Structures are given as C-alpha cells and as structure tokens.
Amino acid sequence: MANQFVAGRFDAMIVLDPEAIEKALKDINFADYSFANYRYIQKIGNYYGMSKKSPRIGEYKRLNAALLDLVKSERIKQIYRKYMFPHLSSKI
C-alpha cells in the first residue's frame, strides 16, 4: 500500500495500524505525508478455530471455555494493553 501511495495511485488512505504504514514509508525513504485527525472506532475480534480432525479435538470445549473466561474477566484487554497493541486496547 505504501508503494501505491508514493506512486500516486491514490492521495489518501485510511489505516488501522499507523505504526506499520509509517515504517513501510520510512523503509522506502518517503516522508512527504501527514496524518489527519480522523478516528473510526471499531471492535476488532479475535477468532480461533480448530480442525474437527485435530488430535486435540477432545480439548476443544475446555479451550473454548478458557478463552471465553479470559474475555469475560477482561484479561485479554490487559494483555493487549501491556504487551501487544496499547494504542488499540480501547477498541478491544
């Protein structure tokens, strides 16, 4: 997307991860851009799946319950805030 932006294929873009596009633009030595004061709040879902043929299919219900407990207890939010995407934790 950064290369297309620099090539003039479009004049503006909406990005979910500003740090990623900034790095991509920096990697191609492009600095002639700015961010608008635009925010779109969205909830980003995380989904996990398991093959019905998995040798661990017997653990599916227990794993699913544990993941739901992490969400209900807000532990997932705590993990995102601390380790992964502190700028996105309010959207989770």
C-alpha atoms as a PDB file:
ATOM      1  CA  MET A   1       0.000   0.000   0.000  1.00  0.00           C
ATOM      2  CA  ALA A   2       2.886   2.351   0.788  1.00  0.00           C
ATOM      3  CA  ASN A   3       4.346   1.903  -2.692  1.00  0.00           C
ATOM      4  CA  GLN A   4       0.975   2.582  -4.316  1.00  0.00           C
ATOM      5  CA  PHE A   5       0.581   5.740  -2.211  1.00  0.00           C
ATOM      6  CA  VAL A   6       4.035   7.017  -3.149  1.00  0.00           C
ATOM      7  CA  ALA A   7       3.371   6.214  -6.827  1.00  0.00           C
ATOM      8  CA  GLY A   8       0.320   8.481  -6.731  1.00  0.00           C
ATOM      9  CA  ARG A   9      -2.259   5.731  -7.254  1.00  0.00           C
ATOM     10  CA  PHE A  10      -4.308   7.415  -4.502  1.00  0.00           C
ATOM     11  CA  ASP A  11      -3.979  10.615  -2.487  1.00  0.00           C
ATOM     12  CA  ALA A  12      -5.235   9.414   0.876  1.00  0.00           C
ATOM     13  CA  MET A  13      -5.593   6.165   2.773  1.00  0.00           C
ATOM     14  CA  ILE A  14      -7.223   5.006   5.958  1.00  0.00           C
ATOM     15  CA  VAL A  15      -5.030   2.695   8.016  1.00  0.00           C
ATOM     16  CA  LEU A  16      -5.699   0.570  11.064  1.00  0.00           C
ATOM     17  CA  ASP A  17      -2.078   0.433  12.173  1.00  0.00           C
ATOM     18  CA  PRO A  18      -0.340   3.806  11.691  1.00  0.00           C
ATOM     19  CA  GLU A  19       2.969   2.466  13.008  1.00  0.00           C
ATOM     20  CA  ALA A  20       3.058  -0.169  10.258  1.00  0.00           C
ATOM     21  CA  ILE A  21       2.454   2.299   7.421  1.00  0.00           C
ATOM     22  CA  GLU A  22       4.956   4.740   8.907  1.00  0.00           C
ATOM     23  CA  LYS A  23       7.584   2.001   8.928  1.00  0.00           C
ATOM     24  CA  ALA A  24       6.740   0.995   5.358  1.00  0.00           C
ATOM     25  CA  LEU A  25       7.023   4.608   4.174  1.00  0.00           C
ATOM     26  CA  LYS A  26      10.273   5.077   6.074  1.00  0.00           C
ATOM     27  CA  ASP A  27      11.663   1.884   4.526  1.00  0.00           C
ATOM     28  CA  ILE A  28      11.175   3.408   1.063  1.00  0.00           C
ATOM     29  CA  ASN A  29      12.521   6.796   2.198  1.00  0.00           C
ATOM     30  CA  PHE A  30       9.236   8.668   1.849  1.00  0.00           C
ATOM     31  CA  ALA A  31       8.385  11.370   4.379  1.00  0.00           C
ATOM     32  CA  ASP A  32       6.059  13.728   2.473  1.00  0.00           C
ATOM     33  CA  TYR A  33       2.828  12.763   4.246  1.00  0.00           C
ATOM     34  CA  SER A  34       0.792  13.672   7.310  1.00  0.00           C
ATOM     35  CA  PHE A  35      -1.992  12.131   9.332  1.00  0.00           C
ATOM     36  CA  ALA A  36      -5.424  13.736   9.543  1.00  0.00           C
ATOM     37  CA  ASN A  37      -7.214  13.911  12.866  1.00  0.00           C
ATOM     38  CA  TYR A  38      -9.567  11.098  11.862  1.00  0.00           C
ATOM     39  CA  ARG A  39     -10.643   8.261  14.124  1.00  0.00           C
ATOM     40  CA  TYR A  40     -13.003   5.415  13.390  1.00  0.00           C
ATOM     41  CA  ILE A  41     -13.740   3.281  16.415  1.00  0.00           C
ATOM     42  CA  GLN A  42     -14.199  -0.355  15.592  1.00  0.00           C
ATOM     43  CA  LYS A  43     -14.169  -3.518  17.574  1.00  0.00           C
ATOM     44  CA  ILE A  44     -11.514  -5.911  16.421  1.00  0.00           C
ATOM     45  CA  GLY A  45     -12.487  -9.516  17.012  1.00  0.00           C
ATOM     46  CA  ASN A  46     -10.138 -12.409  17.536  1.00  0.00           C
ATOM     47  CA  TYR A  47     -11.284 -15.808  16.415  1.00  0.00           C
ATOM     48  CA  TYR A  48      -9.707 -19.183  16.954  1.00  0.00           C
ATOM     49  CA  GLY A  49     -10.507 -22.341  15.110  1.00  0.00           C
ATOM     50  CA  MET A  50      -9.660 -25.991  15.392  1.00  0.00           C
ATOM     51  CA  SER A  51      -9.916 -28.684  12.775  1.00  0.00           C
ATOM     52  CA  LYS A  52     -12.548 -31.313  13.504  1.00  0.00           C
ATOM     53  CA  LYS A  53      -9.838 -33.819  12.583  1.00  0.00           C
ATOM     54  CA  SER A  54      -7.349 -32.425  15.114  1.00  0.00           C
ATOM     55  CA  PRO A  55      -5.879 -34.971  17.507  1.00  0.00           C
ATOM     56  CA  ARG A  56      -6.747 -32.438  20.231  1.00  0.00           C
ATOM     57  CA  ILE A  57     -10.436 -32.047  19.323  1.00  0.00           C
ATOM     58  CA  GLY A  58     -11.307 -33.537  22.706  1.00  0.00           C
ATOM     59  CA  GLU A  59      -9.847 -30.404  24.317  1.00  0.00           C
ATOM     60  CA  TYR A  60     -11.949 -28.011  22.215  1.00  0.00           C
ATOM     61  CA  LYS A  61     -14.698 -27.377  24.778  1.00  0.00           C
ATOM     62  CA  ARG A  62     -12.201 -26.771  27.574  1.00  0.00           C
ATOM     63  CA  LEU A  63     -10.107 -24.420  25.420  1.00  0.00           C
ATOM     64  CA  ASN A  64     -13.190 -22.525  24.269  1.00  0.00           C
ATOM     65  CA  ALA A  65     -14.370 -22.102  27.873  1.00  0.00           C
ATOM     66  CA  ALA A  66     -10.940 -20.873  28.956  1.00  0.00           C
ATOM     67  CA  LEU A  67     -10.829 -18.297  26.126  1.00  0.00           C
ATOM     68  CA  LEU A  68     -14.331 -17.055  26.958  1.00  0.00           C
ATOM     69  CA  ASP A  69     -13.304 -16.703  30.603  1.00  0.00           C
ATOM     70  CA  LEU A  70     -10.302 -14.606  29.537  1.00  0.00           C
ATOM     71  CA  VAL A  71     -12.636 -12.275  27.654  1.00  0.00           C
ATOM     72  CA  LYS A  72     -15.200 -12.021  30.460  1.00  0.00           C
ATOM     73  CA  SER A  73     -12.535 -11.319  33.075  1.00  0.00           C
ATOM     74  CA  GLU A  74     -11.049  -8.626  30.768  1.00  0.00           C
ATOM     75  CA  ARG A  75      -7.697 -10.393  30.905  1.00  0.00           C
ATOM     76  CA  ILE A  76      -7.483 -10.143  27.108  1.00  0.00           C
ATOM     77  CA  LYS A  77      -7.707  -6.333  27.343  1.00  0.00           C
ATOM     78  CA  GLN A  78      -4.973  -6.325  29.981  1.00  0.00           C
ATOM     79  CA  ILE A  79      -2.690  -8.415  27.785  1.00  0.00           C
ATOM     80  CA  TYR A  80      -3.236  -6.159  24.746  1.00  0.00           C
ATOM     81  CA  ARG A  81      -2.622  -3.032  26.811  1.00  0.00           C
ATOM     82  CA  LYS A  82       0.569  -4.389  28.305  1.00  0.00           C
ATOM     83  CA  TYR A  83       2.219  -6.370  25.529  1.00  0.00           C
ATOM     84  CA  MET A  84       0.749  -6.050  22.099  1.00  0.00           C
ATOM     85  CA  PHE A  85      -1.163  -3.041  20.888  1.00  0.00           C
ATOM     86  CA  PRO A  86      -1.597  -0.436  23.611  1.00  0.00           C
ATOM     87  CA  HIS A  87      -2.989   2.022  21.012  1.00  0.00           C
ATOM     88  CA  LEU A  88      -5.741  -0.478  20.125  1.00  0.00           C
ATOM     89  CA  SER A  89      -6.657  -1.746  23.597  1.00  0.00           C
ATOM     90  CA  SER A  90      -9.616   0.625  23.956  1.00  0.00           C
ATOM     91  CA  LYS A  91     -11.153  -0.939  20.808  1.00  0.00           C
ATOM     92  CA  ILE A  92     -10.998  -4.495  22.088  1.00  0.00           C
END
